[in-house]
PDB file of N, CA and C in Angstrom:
ATOM      1  N   MET A   1     -86.312 -66.606 -74.773  1.00  0.00           N
ATOM      2  CA  MET A   1     -85.762 -67.036 -73.629  1.00  0.00           C
ATOM      3  C   MET A   1     -85.323 -66.922 -72.166  1.00  0.00           C
ATOM      4  N   GLU A   2     -86.427 -67.148 -71.421  1.00  0.00           N
ATOM      5  CA  GLU A   2     -85.573 -66.603 -69.926  1.00  0.00           C
ATOM      6  C   GLU A   2     -84.471 -67.045 -69.508  1.00  0.00           C
ATOM      7  N   THR A   3     -84.010 -66.632 -68.291  1.00  0.00           N
ATOM      8  CA  THR A   3     -82.885 -66.963 -67.889  1.00  0.00           C
ATOM      9  C   THR A   3     -82.805 -67.392 -66.653  1.00  0.00           C
ATOM     10  N   LYS A   4     -82.570 -68.715 -66.231  1.00  0.00           N
ATOM     11  CA  LYS A   4     -82.678 -68.680 -64.498  1.00  0.00           C
ATOM     12  C   LYS A   4     -82.438 -67.766 -63.779  1.00  0.00           C
ATOM     13  N   LEU A   5     -81.704 -66.571 -63.929  1.00  0.00           N
ATOM     14  CA  LEU A   5     -81.102 -65.649 -63.041  1.00  0.00           C
ATOM     15  C   LEU A   5     -82.709 -64.451 -63.156  1.00  0.00           C
ATOM     16  N   LEU A   6     -83.162 -64.409 -64.325  1.00  0.00           N
ATOM     17  CA  LEU A   6     -84.147 -63.262 -64.442  1.00  0.00           C
ATOM     18  C   LEU A   6     -85.296 -64.751 -63.807  1.00  0.00           C
ATOM     19  N   ARG A   7     -85.810 -65.995 -63.880  1.00  0.00           N
ATOM     20  CA  ARG A   7     -86.634 -66.211 -63.107  1.00  0.00           C
ATOM     21  C   ARG A   7     -86.718 -65.927 -61.825  1.00  0.00           C
ATOM     22  N   ILE A   8     -85.657 -66.043 -60.853  1.00  0.00           N
ATOM     23  CA  ILE A   8     -85.251 -66.051 -59.593  1.00  0.00           C
ATOM     24  C   ILE A   8     -85.602 -64.571 -59.161  1.00  0.00           C
ATOM     25  N   ALA A   9     -85.250 -63.584 -59.955  1.00  0.00           N
ATOM     26  CA  ALA A   9     -85.405 -62.130 -60.008  1.00  0.00           C
ATOM     27  C   ALA A   9     -87.059 -61.634 -59.761  1.00  0.00           C
ATOM     28  N   LYS A  10     -87.375 -62.330 -60.784  1.00  0.00           N
ATOM     29  CA  LYS A  10     -89.453 -62.660 -61.009  1.00  0.00           C
ATOM     30  C   LYS A  10     -89.629 -63.103 -59.309  1.00  0.00           C
ATOM     31  N   LEU A  11     -89.279 -64.310 -59.318  1.00  0.00           N
ATOM     32  CA  LEU A  11     -90.229 -64.615 -58.210  1.00  0.00           C
ATOM     33  C   LEU A  11     -89.743 -64.001 -56.450  1.00  0.00           C
ATOM     34  N   ALA A  12     -88.641 -63.360 -56.550  1.00  0.00           N
ATOM     35  CA  ALA A  12     -88.077 -62.748 -54.998  1.00  0.00           C
ATOM     36  C   ALA A  12     -88.760 -61.275 -55.741  1.00  0.00           C
ATOM     37  N   LYS A  13     -89.265 -60.811 -56.518  1.00  0.00           N
ATOM     38  CA  LYS A  13     -89.743 -59.849 -56.642  1.00  0.00           C
ATOM     39  C   LYS A  13     -91.379 -60.122 -56.352  1.00  0.00           C
ATOM     40  N   SER A  14     -91.865 -60.809 -56.962  1.00  0.00           N
ATOM     41  CA  SER A  14     -93.281 -61.167 -56.316  1.00  0.00           C
ATOM     42  C   SER A  14     -93.597 -61.861 -54.630  1.00  0.00           C
ATOM     43  N   ASP A  15     -92.327 -62.293 -54.353  1.00  0.00           N
ATOM     44  CA  ASP A  15     -92.683 -62.377 -52.671  1.00  0.00           C
ATOM     45  C   ASP A  15     -91.575 -62.513 -52.539  1.00  0.00           C
ATOM     46  N   PRO A  16     -91.288 -61.264 -51.596  1.00  0.00           N
ATOM     47  CA  PRO A  16     -90.383 -60.848 -51.241  1.00  0.00           C
ATOM     48  C   PRO A  16     -89.749 -61.457 -49.728  1.00  0.00           C
ATOM     49  N   LYS A  17     -90.773 -62.277 -48.927  1.00  0.00           N
ATOM     50  CA  LYS A  17     -90.284 -62.784 -48.257  1.00  0.00           C
ATOM     51  C   LYS A  17     -89.655 -64.333 -48.107  1.00  0.00           C
ATOM     52  N   MET A  18     -89.873 -64.982 -49.936  1.00  0.00           N
ATOM     53  CA  MET A  18     -89.678 -66.219 -50.205  1.00  0.00           C
ATOM     54  C   MET A  18     -88.097 -66.314 -50.051  1.00  0.00           C
ATOM     55  N   LYS A  19     -87.156 -67.205 -49.708  1.00  0.00           N
ATOM     56  CA  LYS A  19     -85.995 -67.204 -49.747  1.00  0.00           C
ATOM     57  C   LYS A  19     -85.578 -68.079 -50.366  1.00  0.00           C
ATOM     58  N   PHE A  20     -84.596 -68.403 -50.556  1.00  0.00           N
ATOM     59  CA  PHE A  20     -83.573 -69.026 -51.923  1.00  0.00           C
ATOM     60  C   PHE A  20     -82.225 -70.145 -50.658  1.00  0.00           C
ATOM     61  N   ALA A  21     -82.719 -71.728 -50.870  1.00  0.00           N
ATOM     62  CA  ALA A  21     -81.162 -72.192 -50.404  1.00  0.00           C
ATOM     63  C   ALA A  21     -80.080 -72.046 -50.758  1.00  0.00           C
ATOM     64  N   SER A  22     -80.203 -71.731 -51.946  1.00  0.00           N
ATOM     65  CA  SER A  22     -78.718 -71.798 -52.719  1.00  0.00           C
ATOM     66  C   SER A  22     -78.952 -71.090 -54.453  1.00  0.00           C
ATOM     67  N   LEU A  23     -77.858 -70.640 -54.299  1.00  0.00           N
ATOM     68  CA  LEU A  23     -77.922 -69.931 -55.838  1.00  0.00           C
ATOM     69  C   LEU A  23     -77.028 -69.610 -56.816  1.00  0.00           C
ATOM     70  N   ALA A  24     -76.116 -70.782 -55.837  1.00  0.00           N
ATOM     71  CA  ALA A  24     -74.565 -70.909 -56.731  1.00  0.00           C
ATOM     72  C   ALA A  24     -74.562 -71.678 -57.467  1.00  0.00           C
ATOM     73  N   HIS A  25     -75.716 -73.312 -58.008  1.00  0.00           N
ATOM     74  CA  HIS A  25     -75.799 -73.266 -59.415  1.00  0.00           C
ATOM     75  C   HIS A  25     -75.999 -72.520 -60.305  1.00  0.00           C
ATOM     76  N   LEU A  26     -76.413 -71.313 -60.077  1.00  0.00           N
ATOM     77  CA  LEU A  26     -77.173 -70.477 -61.426  1.00  0.00           C
ATOM     78  C   LEU A  26     -76.166 -69.941 -61.669  1.00  0.00           C
ATOM     79  N   LEU A  27     -74.365 -69.896 -60.795  1.00  0.00           N
ATOM     80  CA  LEU A  27     -73.209 -68.999 -61.351  1.00  0.00           C
ATOM     81  C   LEU A  27     -72.059 -69.764 -62.332  1.00  0.00           C
ATOM     82  N   ASN A  28     -71.973 -69.641 -63.716  1.00  0.00           N
ATOM     83  CA  ASN A  28     -71.376 -69.805 -64.205  1.00  0.00           C
ATOM     84  C   ASN A  28     -70.281 -68.823 -65.152  1.00  0.00           C
ATOM     85  N   LYS A  29     -69.633 -69.151 -65.516  1.00  0.00           N
ATOM     86  CA  LYS A  29     -69.146 -68.143 -66.753  1.00  0.00           C
ATOM     87  C   LYS A  29     -70.115 -67.488 -68.138  1.00  0.00           C
ATOM     88  N   GLU A  30     -70.525 -68.354 -68.449  1.00  0.00           N
ATOM     89  CA  GLU A  30     -71.166 -67.118 -68.845  1.00  0.00           C
ATOM     90  C   GLU A  30     -72.049 -66.579 -68.650  1.00  0.00           C
ATOM     91  N   ALA A  31     -72.739 -66.522 -67.425  1.00  0.00           N
ATOM     92  CA  ALA A  31     -73.268 -66.041 -66.942  1.00  0.00           C
ATOM     93  C   ALA A  31     -72.832 -65.275 -66.727  1.00  0.00           C
ATOM     94  N   LEU A  32     -71.564 -65.005 -65.622  1.00  0.00           N
ATOM     95  CA  LEU A  32     -70.662 -63.464 -65.541  1.00  0.00           C
ATOM     96  C   LEU A  32     -70.361 -62.857 -66.404  1.00  0.00           C
ATOM     97  N   VAL A  33     -70.292 -63.761 -67.546  1.00  0.00           N
ATOM     98  CA  VAL A  33     -68.784 -62.596 -69.041  1.00  0.00           C
ATOM     99  C   VAL A  33     -71.125 -62.215 -69.208  1.00  0.00           C
ATOM    100  N   GLN A  34     -72.082 -62.700 -69.313  1.00  0.00           N
ATOM    101  CA  GLN A  34     -73.209 -62.247 -70.106  1.00  0.00           C
ATOM    102  C   GLN A  34     -73.461 -60.400 -68.709  1.00  0.00           C
ATOM    103  N   CYS A  35     -73.372 -60.954 -67.100  1.00  0.00           N
ATOM    104  CA  CYS A  35     -73.524 -59.914 -66.129  1.00  0.00           C
ATOM    105  C   CYS A  35     -72.844 -58.510 -66.449  1.00  0.00           C
ATOM    106  N   HIS A  36     -71.059 -59.074 -66.745  1.00  0.00           N
ATOM    107  CA  HIS A  36     -70.455 -58.007 -67.132  1.00  0.00           C
ATOM    108  C   HIS A  36     -71.144 -56.991 -67.982  1.00  0.00           C
ATOM    109  N   LEU A  37     -71.393 -57.971 -69.191  1.00  0.00           N
ATOM    110  CA  LEU A  37     -70.892 -56.839 -70.924  1.00  0.00           C
ATOM    111  C   LEU A  37     -72.428 -56.525 -70.687  1.00  0.00           C
ATOM    112  N   GLU A  38     -73.284 -56.315 -69.512  1.00  0.00           N
ATOM    113  CA  GLU A  38     -74.671 -55.832 -68.910  1.00  0.00           C
ATOM    114  C   GLU A  38     -74.534 -54.495 -68.490  1.00  0.00           C
ATOM    115  N   LEU A  39     -73.453 -54.568 -67.877  1.00  0.00           N
ATOM    116  CA  LEU A  39     -73.268 -53.683 -66.889  1.00  0.00           C
ATOM    117  C   LEU A  39     -72.868 -52.419 -67.542  1.00  0.00           C
ATOM    118  N   PRO A  40     -73.623 -50.981 -66.909  1.00  0.00           N
ATOM    119  CA  PRO A  40     -73.553 -49.951 -68.043  1.00  0.00           C
ATOM    120  C   PRO A  40     -71.839 -49.501 -67.947  1.00  0.00           C
ATOM    121  N   THR A  41     -71.445 -48.502 -68.550  1.00  0.00           N
ATOM    122  CA  THR A  41     -70.286 -48.302 -68.562  1.00  0.00           C
ATOM    123  C   THR A  41     -70.286 -46.593 -68.600  1.00  0.00           C
ATOM    124  N   THR A  42     -69.221 -45.890 -67.871  1.00  0.00           N
ATOM    125  CA  THR A  42     -68.685 -45.021 -67.839  1.00  0.00           C
ATOM    126  C   THR A  42     -68.148 -44.278 -68.373  1.00  0.00           C
TER     127      THR A  42
END
């Protein structure tokens, strides 16, 4: 299943001139935790 953030990334990559009104609705605790877990460790 594709996440909302991945869908936005694909749309932005396919049309670099595309403008998004707001992405705030995509941010929630679960999404932020998942992004944090995917960060590379040093």
